[in-house]
């Protein structure tokens, strides 16, 4: 029993460390989205942890990833707002996906788990951006004035809409959700799911042993 606990803790620590490195240092923007939206692959080891060990171990990884981001240089660049939102997003993804994979017994449970990852990811991204990221970000950095954020986003909005849409104070949130949050998170979650699926197949024997 003690040996199994040590093995479990070791795997959680490894997955959290890999996730934190990806979270802090392996990220890049795409020109078709606002520059503050970064592509990163830190959810891949967390999803593998959810399938290998279960959703609660993956939840620990999500939290450790955030704590390590605050410790490792360069630290938070969003006054902890982005990391808090990422914790909520991560928990919303790994709990249902991990539970389905762990508890379900039908043939296509892996496929359903990956589908739930994408749906939960995009849904929670919309909620967190509307109620956490944008309100807190504008209040912390621009004292509630959304004009600088609009300026940072309009080039991307025009690019993705082929020059047809330019956000204003009244339309920014709607434009941001439909032209940035939804397509960006669909793309990112799809890439993460694809890579995880490829790795997951190769680790299935290891899953069974654990």
N, C-alpha and C. Protein backbone atom coordinates (compact mmCIF):
# COMPACT_ATOMS: atom_id res chain seq x y z
N UNK A 1 0.83 -1.20 0.00
CA UNK A 1 0.00 0.00 0.00
C UNK A 1 0.87 1.25 0.00
N UNK A 2 1.91 1.25 0.86
CA UNK A 2 2.81 2.40 0.94
C UNK A 2 3.55 2.59 -0.37
N UNK A 3 3.96 1.47 -0.99
CA UNK A 3 4.67 1.52 -2.26
C UNK A 3 3.79 2.13 -3.35
N UNK A 4 2.50 1.75 -3.38
CA UNK A 4 1.57 2.29 -4.37
C UNK A 4 1.36 3.79 -4.16
N UNK A 5 1.29 4.23 -2.90
CA UNK A 5 1.11 5.65 -2.60
C UNK A 5 2.31 6.45 -3.06
N UNK A 6 3.50 5.93 -2.83
CA UNK A 6 4.72 6.61 -3.25
C UNK A 6 4.77 6.71 -4.78
N UNK A 7 4.37 5.60 -5.45
CA UNK A 7 4.36 5.59 -6.91
C UNK A 7 3.37 6.64 -7.44
N UNK A 8 2.20 6.72 -6.81
CA UNK A 8 1.17 7.66 -7.24
C UNK A 8 1.64 9.11 -7.06
N UNK A 9 2.20 9.39 -5.91
CA UNK A 9 2.70 10.75 -5.64
C UNK A 9 3.81 11.11 -6.62
N UNK A 10 4.66 10.14 -6.94
CA UNK A 10 5.76 10.39 -7.88
C UNK A 10 5.23 10.73 -9.26
N UNK A 11 4.23 9.99 -9.72
CA UNK A 11 3.65 10.28 -11.03
C UNK A 11 2.99 11.65 -11.06
N UNK A 12 2.25 12.00 -10.01
CA UNK A 12 1.60 13.31 -9.94
C UNK A 12 2.65 14.41 -9.99
N UNK A 13 3.74 14.24 -9.24
CA UNK A 13 4.81 15.24 -9.22
C UNK A 13 5.45 15.39 -10.60
N UNK A 14 5.67 14.27 -11.28
CA UNK A 14 6.28 14.31 -12.62
C UNK A 14 5.37 15.02 -13.61
N UNK A 15 4.09 14.64 -13.60
CA UNK A 15 3.14 15.28 -14.53
C UNK A 15 3.00 16.77 -14.24
N UNK A 16 2.96 17.14 -12.95
CA UNK A 16 2.83 18.55 -12.59
C UNK A 16 4.06 19.34 -13.01
N UNK A 17 5.24 18.75 -12.85
CA UNK A 17 6.49 19.43 -13.23
C UNK A 17 6.55 19.65 -14.75
N UNK A 18 6.21 18.62 -15.51
CA UNK A 18 6.20 18.76 -16.97
C UNK A 18 5.19 19.81 -17.40
N UNK A 19 4.02 19.77 -16.79
CA UNK A 19 2.97 20.73 -17.11
C UNK A 19 3.41 22.16 -16.80
N UNK A 20 4.07 22.35 -15.66
CA UNK A 20 4.52 23.69 -15.26
C UNK A 20 5.57 24.23 -16.23
N UNK A 21 6.48 23.36 -16.67
CA UNK A 21 7.50 23.79 -17.64
C UNK A 21 6.85 24.22 -18.96
N UNK A 22 5.89 23.43 -19.43
CA UNK A 22 5.17 23.79 -20.64
C UNK A 22 4.37 25.08 -20.45
N UNK A 23 3.79 25.23 -19.28
CA UNK A 23 2.96 26.39 -18.95
C UNK A 23 3.78 27.67 -18.90
N UNK A 24 4.98 27.60 -18.36
CA UNK A 24 5.82 28.80 -18.17
C UNK A 24 6.64 29.16 -19.39
N UNK A 25 7.15 28.14 -20.09
CA UNK A 25 8.21 28.41 -21.06
C UNK A 25 7.91 28.00 -22.50
N UNK A 26 6.93 27.13 -22.71
CA UNK A 26 6.64 26.68 -24.07
C UNK A 26 5.27 27.22 -24.48
N UNK A 27 5.27 28.44 -24.97
CA UNK A 27 4.02 29.09 -25.37
C UNK A 27 4.32 30.13 -26.44
N UNK A 28 3.30 30.41 -27.26
CA UNK A 28 3.49 31.37 -28.34
C UNK A 28 2.12 31.89 -28.79
N UNK A 29 2.06 33.13 -29.25
CA UNK A 29 0.79 33.67 -29.76
C UNK A 29 0.59 33.30 -31.23
N UNK A 30 -0.63 33.46 -31.71
CA UNK A 30 -0.94 33.32 -33.13
C UNK A 30 -1.44 34.68 -33.63
N UNK A 31 -1.00 35.14 -34.78
CA UNK A 31 -1.35 36.49 -35.24
C UNK A 31 -2.83 36.71 -35.50
N UNK A 32 -3.59 35.64 -35.69
CA UNK A 32 -5.01 35.82 -35.97
C UNK A 32 -5.83 36.02 -34.70
N UNK A 33 -5.18 35.93 -33.52
CA UNK A 33 -5.85 36.15 -32.24
C UNK A 33 -5.15 37.27 -31.49
N UNK A 34 -5.85 37.91 -30.53
CA UNK A 34 -5.19 38.94 -29.71
C UNK A 34 -3.89 38.43 -29.10
N UNK A 35 -2.89 39.30 -29.01
CA UNK A 35 -1.53 38.89 -28.64
C UNK A 35 -1.42 38.33 -27.23
N UNK A 36 -2.41 38.62 -26.37
CA UNK A 36 -2.33 38.12 -24.99
C UNK A 36 -2.88 36.71 -24.86
N UNK A 37 -3.36 36.13 -25.94
CA UNK A 37 -3.79 34.73 -25.94
C UNK A 37 -2.65 33.86 -26.45
N UNK A 38 -2.10 33.04 -25.58
CA UNK A 38 -0.96 32.21 -25.93
C UNK A 38 -1.36 30.75 -26.10
N UNK A 39 -0.82 30.12 -27.13
CA UNK A 39 -0.92 28.67 -27.29
C UNK A 39 0.08 28.02 -26.33
N UNK A 40 -0.40 27.13 -25.48
CA UNK A 40 0.53 26.33 -24.66
C UNK A 40 -0.06 24.93 -24.49
N UNK A 41 0.80 23.98 -24.21
CA UNK A 41 0.39 22.58 -24.20
C UNK A 41 0.46 21.96 -22.80
N UNK A 42 0.30 22.79 -21.79
CA UNK A 42 0.46 22.31 -20.41
C UNK A 42 -0.64 21.37 -19.96
N UNK A 43 -1.76 21.34 -20.69
CA UNK A 43 -2.84 20.43 -20.31
C UNK A 43 -2.61 19.00 -20.77
N UNK A 44 -1.64 18.79 -21.65
CA UNK A 44 -1.41 17.43 -22.15
C UNK A 44 -1.00 16.48 -21.02
N UNK A 45 0.06 16.79 -20.23
CA UNK A 45 0.39 15.87 -19.13
C UNK A 45 -0.70 15.78 -18.07
N UNK A 46 -1.48 16.83 -17.91
CA UNK A 46 -2.57 16.79 -16.92
C UNK A 46 -3.68 15.85 -17.38
N UNK A 47 -4.00 15.87 -18.67
CA UNK A 47 -5.01 14.95 -19.19
C UNK A 47 -4.51 13.51 -19.12
N UNK A 48 -3.24 13.30 -19.41
CA UNK A 48 -2.67 11.95 -19.29
C UNK A 48 -2.77 11.47 -17.85
N UNK A 49 -2.50 12.39 -16.91
CA UNK A 49 -2.63 12.05 -15.49
C UNK A 49 -4.07 11.69 -15.15
N UNK A 50 -5.04 12.42 -15.72
CA UNK A 50 -6.45 12.14 -15.45
C UNK A 50 -6.83 10.75 -15.93
N UNK A 51 -6.32 10.34 -17.09
CA UNK A 51 -6.63 9.02 -17.62
C UNK A 51 -5.86 7.92 -16.90
N UNK A 52 -4.63 8.21 -16.50
CA UNK A 52 -3.79 7.19 -15.89
C UNK A 52 -4.14 6.97 -14.41
N UNK A 53 -4.31 8.07 -13.67
CA UNK A 53 -4.48 7.97 -12.23
C UNK A 53 -5.88 8.36 -11.75
N UNK A 54 -6.60 9.15 -12.54
CA UNK A 54 -7.94 9.56 -12.14
C UNK A 54 -8.07 11.08 -12.06
N UNK A 55 -9.29 11.58 -12.00
CA UNK A 55 -9.52 13.03 -12.06
C UNK A 55 -8.99 13.80 -10.86
N UNK A 56 -8.98 13.18 -9.69
CA UNK A 56 -8.56 13.93 -8.49
C UNK A 56 -7.06 14.14 -8.47
N UNK A 57 -6.31 13.17 -8.94
CA UNK A 57 -4.87 13.36 -9.09
C UNK A 57 -4.58 14.46 -10.12
N UNK A 58 -5.37 14.47 -11.19
CA UNK A 58 -5.21 15.51 -12.21
C UNK A 58 -5.55 16.89 -11.64
N UNK A 59 -6.52 16.96 -10.73
CA UNK A 59 -6.85 18.23 -10.08
C UNK A 59 -5.66 18.75 -9.29
N UNK A 60 -4.96 17.85 -8.62
CA UNK A 60 -3.74 18.24 -7.88
C UNK A 60 -2.71 18.79 -8.86
N UNK A 61 -2.56 18.16 -10.02
CA UNK A 61 -1.64 18.65 -11.04
C UNK A 61 -2.00 20.05 -11.50
N UNK A 62 -3.29 20.29 -11.70
CA UNK A 62 -3.75 21.62 -12.14
C UNK A 62 -3.34 22.69 -11.12
N UNK A 63 -3.56 22.39 -9.84
CA UNK A 63 -3.23 23.36 -8.79
C UNK A 63 -1.72 23.53 -8.65
N UNK A 64 -0.97 22.43 -8.70
CA UNK A 64 0.50 22.52 -8.61
C UNK A 64 1.07 23.30 -9.79
N UNK A 65 0.50 23.11 -10.97
CA UNK A 65 0.96 23.87 -12.14
C UNK A 65 0.87 25.37 -11.89
N UNK A 66 -0.22 25.79 -11.30
CA UNK A 66 -0.42 27.21 -10.99
C UNK A 66 0.56 27.69 -9.93
N UNK A 67 0.73 26.91 -8.86
CA UNK A 67 1.64 27.30 -7.79
C UNK A 67 3.08 27.39 -8.30
N UNK A 68 3.48 26.44 -9.14
CA UNK A 68 4.82 26.46 -9.71
C UNK A 68 5.02 27.66 -10.63
N UNK A 69 3.96 28.05 -11.35
CA UNK A 69 4.05 29.23 -12.21
C UNK A 69 4.37 30.48 -11.38
N UNK A 70 3.80 30.58 -10.19
CA UNK A 70 4.06 31.74 -9.33
C UNK A 70 5.48 31.73 -8.78
N UNK A 71 6.05 30.52 -8.62
CA UNK A 71 7.40 30.41 -8.05
C UNK A 71 8.48 30.57 -9.12
N UNK A 72 8.27 29.92 -10.27
CA UNK A 72 9.29 29.93 -11.33
C UNK A 72 9.34 31.29 -12.02
N UNK A 73 10.53 31.71 -12.45
CA UNK A 73 10.61 32.96 -13.21
C UNK A 73 9.99 32.76 -14.60
N UNK A 74 9.35 33.78 -15.17
CA UNK A 74 9.24 35.15 -14.67
C UNK A 74 8.05 35.39 -13.74
N UNK A 75 7.38 34.33 -13.29
CA UNK A 75 6.23 34.49 -12.40
C UNK A 75 4.98 34.88 -13.15
N UNK A 76 4.00 35.37 -12.42
CA UNK A 76 2.74 35.77 -13.04
C UNK A 76 2.90 37.08 -13.80
N UNK A 77 2.27 37.15 -14.95
CA UNK A 77 2.25 38.41 -15.70
C UNK A 77 0.88 39.03 -15.71
N UNK A 78 -0.03 38.44 -14.95
CA UNK A 78 -1.42 38.92 -14.96
C UNK A 78 -1.94 39.22 -13.55
N UNK A 79 -1.01 39.40 -12.59
CA UNK A 79 -1.42 39.65 -11.20
C UNK A 79 -2.31 38.52 -10.68
N UNK A 80 -1.98 37.27 -11.07
CA UNK A 80 -2.64 36.04 -10.61
C UNK A 80 -4.01 35.80 -11.25
N UNK A 81 -4.52 36.76 -12.02
CA UNK A 81 -5.84 36.60 -12.63
C UNK A 81 -5.85 35.45 -13.63
N UNK A 82 -4.87 35.44 -14.54
CA UNK A 82 -4.83 34.39 -15.55
C UNK A 82 -4.66 33.01 -14.96
N UNK A 83 -3.82 32.91 -13.94
CA UNK A 83 -3.59 31.60 -13.32
C UNK A 83 -4.83 31.07 -12.59
N UNK A 84 -5.54 31.97 -11.91
CA UNK A 84 -6.77 31.55 -11.24
C UNK A 84 -7.79 31.05 -12.25
N UNK A 85 -7.93 31.78 -13.35
CA UNK A 85 -8.86 31.35 -14.41
C UNK A 85 -8.42 30.02 -15.00
N UNK A 86 -7.11 29.83 -15.17
CA UNK A 86 -6.60 28.57 -15.73
C UNK A 86 -6.83 27.40 -14.78
N UNK A 87 -6.78 27.65 -13.47
CA UNK A 87 -7.09 26.59 -12.50
C UNK A 87 -8.55 26.17 -12.65
N UNK A 88 -9.44 27.15 -12.71
CA UNK A 88 -10.87 26.84 -12.87
C UNK A 88 -11.13 26.11 -14.18
N UNK A 89 -10.49 26.57 -15.25
CA UNK A 89 -10.66 25.91 -16.55
C UNK A 89 -10.14 24.47 -16.51
N UNK A 90 -8.97 24.30 -15.90
CA UNK A 90 -8.39 22.96 -15.82
C UNK A 90 -9.24 22.00 -15.02
N UNK A 91 -9.74 22.46 -13.88
CA UNK A 91 -10.61 21.60 -13.06
C UNK A 91 -11.89 21.24 -13.80
N UNK A 92 -12.46 22.21 -14.51
CA UNK A 92 -13.69 21.96 -15.27
C UNK A 92 -13.49 20.94 -16.38
N UNK A 93 -12.26 20.82 -16.87
CA UNK A 93 -11.96 19.87 -17.94
C UNK A 93 -11.65 18.49 -17.39
N UNK A 94 -10.75 18.41 -16.41
CA UNK A 94 -10.25 17.09 -16.00
C UNK A 94 -11.24 16.30 -15.15
N UNK A 95 -12.11 16.98 -14.39
CA UNK A 95 -13.04 16.24 -13.54
C UNK A 95 -14.03 15.43 -14.37
N UNK A 96 -14.81 16.04 -15.29
CA UNK A 96 -15.74 15.21 -16.07
C UNK A 96 -15.05 14.23 -17.00
N UNK A 97 -13.97 14.67 -17.66
CA UNK A 97 -13.29 13.78 -18.60
C UNK A 97 -12.66 12.60 -17.87
N UNK A 98 -12.03 12.88 -16.72
CA UNK A 98 -11.40 11.81 -15.95
C UNK A 98 -12.42 10.84 -15.36
N UNK A 99 -13.54 11.36 -14.88
CA UNK A 99 -14.59 10.50 -14.32
C UNK A 99 -15.17 9.57 -15.38
N UNK A 100 -15.42 10.13 -16.58
CA UNK A 100 -15.96 9.30 -17.66
C UNK A 100 -14.99 8.19 -18.01
N UNK A 101 -13.71 8.54 -18.15
CA UNK A 101 -12.72 7.53 -18.52
C UNK A 101 -12.56 6.49 -17.43
N UNK A 102 -12.63 6.93 -16.17
CA UNK A 102 -12.40 6.03 -15.04
C UNK A 102 -13.61 5.14 -14.75
N UNK A 103 -14.81 5.70 -14.86
CA UNK A 103 -16.01 4.99 -14.42
C UNK A 103 -16.77 4.29 -15.53
N UNK A 104 -16.70 4.83 -16.75
CA UNK A 104 -17.48 4.25 -17.85
C UNK A 104 -16.86 2.92 -18.29
N UNK A 105 -17.71 2.06 -18.82
CA UNK A 105 -17.22 0.75 -19.24
C UNK A 105 -17.56 0.43 -20.70
N UNK A 106 -18.17 1.38 -21.41
CA UNK A 106 -18.54 1.10 -22.80
C UNK A 106 -17.35 1.33 -23.73
N UNK A 107 -17.49 0.90 -24.97
CA UNK A 107 -16.38 0.81 -25.92
C UNK A 107 -15.77 2.17 -26.25
N UNK A 108 -16.59 3.19 -26.40
CA UNK A 108 -16.11 4.47 -26.90
C UNK A 108 -15.94 5.50 -25.78
N UNK A 109 -15.58 5.06 -24.59
CA UNK A 109 -15.44 5.98 -23.47
C UNK A 109 -14.29 6.97 -23.68
N UNK A 110 -13.21 6.54 -24.35
CA UNK A 110 -12.08 7.44 -24.60
C UNK A 110 -12.50 8.56 -25.54
N UNK A 111 -13.22 8.20 -26.58
CA UNK A 111 -13.70 9.20 -27.53
C UNK A 111 -14.64 10.19 -26.85
N UNK A 112 -15.53 9.69 -26.00
CA UNK A 112 -16.43 10.57 -25.26
C UNK A 112 -15.66 11.47 -24.31
N UNK A 113 -14.65 10.92 -23.65
CA UNK A 113 -13.83 11.73 -22.75
C UNK A 113 -13.17 12.88 -23.48
N UNK A 114 -12.64 12.61 -24.66
CA UNK A 114 -12.01 13.67 -25.44
C UNK A 114 -13.03 14.71 -25.91
N UNK A 115 -14.22 14.26 -26.26
CA UNK A 115 -15.28 15.20 -26.63
C UNK A 115 -15.67 16.10 -25.48
N UNK A 116 -15.73 15.52 -24.29
CA UNK A 116 -16.05 16.30 -23.09
C UNK A 116 -14.95 17.31 -22.80
N UNK A 117 -13.70 16.93 -23.05
CA UNK A 117 -12.57 17.86 -22.86
C UNK A 117 -12.80 19.14 -23.68
N UNK A 118 -13.12 18.97 -24.95
CA UNK A 118 -13.31 20.14 -25.83
C UNK A 118 -14.51 20.96 -25.39
N UNK A 119 -15.63 20.31 -25.11
CA UNK A 119 -16.84 21.04 -24.73
C UNK A 119 -16.64 21.79 -23.41
N UNK A 120 -16.10 21.10 -22.41
CA UNK A 120 -15.87 21.73 -21.11
C UNK A 120 -14.84 22.85 -21.22
N UNK A 121 -13.82 22.64 -22.01
CA UNK A 121 -12.74 23.62 -22.19
C UNK A 121 -13.30 24.93 -22.76
N UNK A 122 -14.04 24.82 -23.86
CA UNK A 122 -14.57 26.01 -24.53
C UNK A 122 -15.62 26.70 -23.66
N UNK A 123 -16.50 25.91 -23.04
CA UNK A 123 -17.55 26.48 -22.19
C UNK A 123 -16.96 27.25 -21.02
N UNK A 124 -16.00 26.64 -20.34
CA UNK A 124 -15.40 27.30 -19.18
C UNK A 124 -14.56 28.50 -19.60
N UNK A 125 -13.94 28.44 -20.78
CA UNK A 125 -13.18 29.59 -21.28
C UNK A 125 -14.09 30.79 -21.50
N UNK A 126 -15.28 30.55 -22.04
CA UNK A 126 -16.24 31.64 -22.23
C UNK A 126 -16.63 32.24 -20.89
N UNK A 127 -16.97 31.39 -19.94
CA UNK A 127 -17.41 31.87 -18.62
C UNK A 127 -16.30 32.64 -17.91
N UNK A 128 -15.08 32.07 -17.91
CA UNK A 128 -13.99 32.71 -17.18
C UNK A 128 -13.57 34.02 -17.82
N UNK A 129 -13.64 34.11 -19.14
CA UNK A 129 -13.27 35.37 -19.79
C UNK A 129 -14.31 36.46 -19.56
N UNK A 130 -15.58 36.09 -19.54
CA UNK A 130 -16.63 37.08 -19.33
C UNK A 130 -16.64 37.58 -17.89
N UNK A 131 -16.45 36.67 -16.93
CA UNK A 131 -16.65 37.04 -15.53
C UNK A 131 -15.35 37.23 -14.73
N UNK A 132 -14.22 36.73 -15.26
CA UNK A 132 -12.96 36.84 -14.50
C UNK A 132 -11.91 37.61 -15.29
N UNK A 133 -11.46 37.04 -16.40
CA UNK A 133 -10.29 37.58 -17.10
C UNK A 133 -10.46 39.04 -17.53
N UNK A 134 -11.47 39.30 -18.34
CA UNK A 134 -11.63 40.65 -18.90
C UNK A 134 -11.98 41.68 -17.82
N UNK A 135 -12.97 41.42 -16.95
CA UNK A 135 -13.27 42.43 -15.91
C UNK A 135 -12.09 42.71 -14.98
N UNK A 136 -11.43 41.65 -14.49
CA UNK A 136 -10.31 41.86 -13.57
C UNK A 136 -9.12 42.47 -14.28
N UNK A 137 -8.85 42.03 -15.49
CA UNK A 137 -7.70 42.53 -16.24
C UNK A 137 -7.84 44.02 -16.52
N UNK A 138 -9.01 44.43 -16.99
CA UNK A 138 -9.21 45.86 -17.29
C UNK A 138 -9.19 46.70 -16.02
N UNK A 139 -9.69 46.15 -14.92
CA UNK A 139 -9.68 46.89 -13.67
C UNK A 139 -8.27 47.03 -13.11
N UNK A 140 -7.48 45.96 -13.17
CA UNK A 140 -6.14 45.97 -12.62
C UNK A 140 -5.18 46.84 -13.42
N UNK A 141 -5.26 46.75 -14.74
CA UNK A 141 -4.27 47.40 -15.58
C UNK A 141 -4.74 48.73 -16.19
N UNK A 142 -6.04 48.86 -16.42
CA UNK A 142 -6.53 50.05 -17.11
C UNK A 142 -7.61 50.81 -16.34
N UNK A 143 -7.76 50.48 -15.04
CA UNK A 143 -8.73 51.14 -14.17
C UNK A 143 -10.15 51.12 -14.74
N UNK A 144 -10.49 50.00 -15.34
CA UNK A 144 -11.83 49.80 -15.86
C UNK A 144 -12.06 50.29 -17.27
N UNK A 145 -11.05 50.95 -17.86
CA UNK A 145 -11.18 51.47 -19.22
C UNK A 145 -10.85 50.35 -20.22
N UNK A 146 -11.78 50.03 -21.09
CA UNK A 146 -11.58 48.92 -22.02
C UNK A 146 -10.91 49.35 -23.32
N UNK A 147 -10.68 50.64 -23.50
CA UNK A 147 -10.12 51.15 -24.76
C UNK A 147 -8.78 50.51 -25.12
N UNK A 148 -7.80 50.41 -24.18
CA UNK A 148 -6.53 49.77 -24.56
C UNK A 148 -6.70 48.32 -24.98
N UNK A 149 -7.60 47.60 -24.33
CA UNK A 149 -7.83 46.20 -24.67
C UNK A 149 -8.45 46.08 -26.06
N UNK A 150 -9.33 47.01 -26.38
CA UNK A 150 -9.93 47.03 -27.72
C UNK A 150 -8.85 47.26 -28.77
N UNK A 151 -7.95 48.21 -28.48
CA UNK A 151 -6.85 48.48 -29.40
C UNK A 151 -5.95 47.28 -29.60
N UNK A 152 -5.72 46.51 -28.54
CA UNK A 152 -4.88 45.32 -28.62
C UNK A 152 -5.55 44.19 -29.40
N UNK A 153 -6.85 44.25 -29.52
CA UNK A 153 -7.61 43.14 -30.10
C UNK A 153 -8.13 43.39 -31.51
N UNK A 154 -8.33 44.66 -31.88
CA UNK A 154 -9.02 44.95 -33.15
C UNK A 154 -8.27 44.46 -34.39
N UNK A 155 -6.94 44.49 -34.35
CA UNK A 155 -6.19 43.98 -35.51
C UNK A 155 -6.50 42.51 -35.75
N UNK A 156 -6.54 41.75 -34.66
CA UNK A 156 -6.86 40.32 -34.78
C UNK A 156 -8.31 40.12 -35.21
N UNK A 157 -9.22 40.94 -34.67
CA UNK A 157 -10.63 40.82 -35.04
C UNK A 157 -10.81 41.07 -36.54
N UNK A 158 -10.14 42.10 -37.05
CA UNK A 158 -10.27 42.41 -38.48
C UNK A 158 -9.64 41.31 -39.34
N UNK A 159 -8.54 40.75 -38.84
CA UNK A 159 -7.87 39.69 -39.59
C UNK A 159 -8.74 38.45 -39.69
N UNK A 160 -9.33 38.04 -38.56
CA UNK A 160 -10.13 36.81 -38.56
C UNK A 160 -11.48 37.01 -39.24
N UNK A 161 -11.96 38.28 -39.30
CA UNK A 161 -13.25 38.54 -39.96
C UNK A 161 -13.08 39.12 -41.36
N UNK A 162 -11.83 39.06 -41.88
CA UNK A 162 -11.50 39.59 -43.21
C UNK A 162 -11.85 41.08 -43.33
N UNK A 163 -11.56 41.81 -42.27
CA UNK A 163 -11.74 43.26 -42.29
C UNK A 163 -13.16 43.76 -42.10
N UNK A 164 -14.08 42.88 -41.77
CA UNK A 164 -15.48 43.28 -41.68
C UNK A 164 -15.89 43.77 -40.30
N UNK A 165 -15.15 43.37 -39.26
CA UNK A 165 -15.60 43.66 -37.90
C UNK A 165 -14.51 44.42 -37.15
N UNK A 166 -14.93 45.52 -36.50
CA UNK A 166 -14.05 46.28 -35.62
C UNK A 166 -14.82 46.55 -34.34
N UNK A 167 -14.27 46.14 -33.22
CA UNK A 167 -14.98 46.23 -31.94
C UNK A 167 -15.04 47.66 -31.43
N UNK A 168 -16.11 47.96 -30.71
CA UNK A 168 -16.26 49.23 -30.00
C UNK A 168 -16.45 48.91 -28.52
N UNK A 169 -16.62 49.94 -27.70
CA UNK A 169 -16.88 49.73 -26.27
C UNK A 169 -18.10 48.86 -26.06
N UNK A 170 -19.13 49.07 -26.90
CA UNK A 170 -20.39 48.34 -26.73
C UNK A 170 -20.32 46.91 -27.25
N UNK A 171 -19.49 46.67 -28.26
CA UNK A 171 -19.50 45.35 -28.91
C UNK A 171 -18.27 44.51 -28.57
N UNK A 172 -17.35 45.05 -27.77
CA UNK A 172 -16.08 44.35 -27.57
C UNK A 172 -16.27 42.94 -27.02
N UNK A 173 -17.05 42.80 -25.96
CA UNK A 173 -17.16 41.48 -25.33
C UNK A 173 -17.76 40.46 -26.28
N UNK A 174 -18.76 40.87 -27.05
CA UNK A 174 -19.38 39.96 -28.02
C UNK A 174 -18.35 39.55 -29.08
N UNK A 175 -17.61 40.54 -29.60
CA UNK A 175 -16.58 40.24 -30.60
C UNK A 175 -15.50 39.35 -30.00
N UNK A 176 -15.11 39.65 -28.79
CA UNK A 176 -14.03 38.89 -28.15
C UNK A 176 -14.41 37.44 -27.95
N UNK A 177 -15.64 37.20 -27.52
CA UNK A 177 -16.09 35.82 -27.28
C UNK A 177 -16.16 35.04 -28.59
N UNK A 178 -16.77 35.64 -29.63
CA UNK A 178 -17.03 34.88 -30.85
C UNK A 178 -15.86 34.88 -31.84
N UNK A 179 -15.00 35.89 -31.77
CA UNK A 179 -13.88 35.96 -32.71
C UNK A 179 -12.55 35.55 -32.09
N UNK A 180 -12.51 35.45 -30.77
CA UNK A 180 -11.25 35.09 -30.11
C UNK A 180 -11.41 33.90 -29.18
N UNK A 181 -12.25 34.01 -28.17
CA UNK A 181 -12.33 32.97 -27.14
C UNK A 181 -12.76 31.63 -27.72
N UNK A 182 -13.85 31.61 -28.46
CA UNK A 182 -14.37 30.33 -28.97
C UNK A 182 -13.43 29.71 -30.01
N UNK A 183 -13.04 30.43 -31.08
CA UNK A 183 -12.15 29.78 -32.06
C UNK A 183 -10.77 29.43 -31.47
N UNK A 184 -10.23 30.31 -30.63
CA UNK A 184 -8.92 30.04 -30.03
C UNK A 184 -8.96 28.78 -29.18
N UNK A 185 -9.96 28.66 -28.33
CA UNK A 185 -10.02 27.51 -27.43
C UNK A 185 -10.46 26.23 -28.14
N UNK A 186 -11.24 26.36 -29.20
CA UNK A 186 -11.53 25.19 -30.03
C UNK A 186 -10.25 24.66 -30.67
N UNK A 187 -9.45 25.59 -31.21
CA UNK A 187 -8.20 25.19 -31.83
C UNK A 187 -7.25 24.58 -30.81
N UNK A 188 -7.06 25.26 -29.67
CA UNK A 188 -6.11 24.77 -28.67
C UNK A 188 -6.54 23.44 -28.08
N UNK A 189 -7.81 23.33 -27.70
CA UNK A 189 -8.29 22.07 -27.12
C UNK A 189 -8.22 20.93 -28.13
N UNK A 190 -8.48 21.25 -29.41
CA UNK A 190 -8.39 20.23 -30.45
C UNK A 190 -6.97 19.72 -30.62
N UNK A 191 -5.99 20.63 -30.61
CA UNK A 191 -4.59 20.22 -30.72
C UNK A 191 -4.17 19.39 -29.52
N UNK A 192 -4.56 19.84 -28.32
CA UNK A 192 -4.21 19.12 -27.10
C UNK A 192 -4.82 17.72 -27.09
N UNK A 193 -6.08 17.62 -27.50
CA UNK A 193 -6.75 16.32 -27.56
C UNK A 193 -6.06 15.41 -28.56
N UNK A 194 -5.70 15.94 -29.72
CA UNK A 194 -5.05 15.13 -30.75
C UNK A 194 -3.71 14.58 -30.25
N UNK A 195 -2.89 15.45 -29.66
CA UNK A 195 -1.59 15.01 -29.15
C UNK A 195 -1.77 14.01 -28.00
N UNK A 196 -2.70 14.32 -27.10
CA UNK A 196 -2.96 13.41 -25.98
C UNK A 196 -3.43 12.05 -26.46
N UNK A 197 -4.29 12.04 -27.49
CA UNK A 197 -4.79 10.77 -28.02
C UNK A 197 -3.64 9.92 -28.57
N UNK A 198 -2.70 10.56 -29.26
CA UNK A 198 -1.57 9.81 -29.81
C UNK A 198 -0.68 9.26 -28.70
N UNK A 199 -0.41 10.08 -27.68
CA UNK A 199 0.41 9.62 -26.56
C UNK A 199 -0.34 8.58 -25.74
N UNK A 200 -1.63 8.82 -25.55
CA UNK A 200 -2.48 7.93 -24.74
C UNK A 200 -2.45 6.50 -25.27
N UNK A 201 -2.47 6.33 -26.59
CA UNK A 201 -2.42 4.99 -27.16
C UNK A 201 -1.14 4.26 -26.78
N UNK A 202 -0.03 4.99 -26.77
CA UNK A 202 1.26 4.38 -26.47
C UNK A 202 1.43 4.09 -24.98
N UNK A 203 0.63 4.78 -24.15
CA UNK A 203 0.76 4.60 -22.70
C UNK A 203 -0.31 3.69 -22.11
N UNK A 204 -1.14 3.10 -22.98
CA UNK A 204 -2.24 2.29 -22.48
C UNK A 204 -1.76 1.11 -21.63
N UNK A 205 -0.68 0.47 -22.03
CA UNK A 205 -0.13 -0.65 -21.26
C UNK A 205 0.30 -0.17 -19.89
N UNK A 206 0.94 1.01 -19.84
CA UNK A 206 1.36 1.58 -18.57
C UNK A 206 0.16 1.90 -17.69
N UNK A 207 -0.93 2.40 -18.31
CA UNK A 207 -2.16 2.66 -17.55
C UNK A 207 -2.60 1.38 -16.85
N UNK A 208 -2.66 0.30 -17.63
CA UNK A 208 -3.16 -0.97 -17.09
C UNK A 208 -2.29 -1.47 -15.93
N UNK A 209 -1.00 -1.30 -16.05
CA UNK A 209 -0.11 -1.75 -14.98
C UNK A 209 -0.31 -0.95 -13.71
N UNK A 210 -0.56 0.35 -13.86
CA UNK A 210 -0.75 1.19 -12.68
C UNK A 210 -2.13 0.97 -12.09
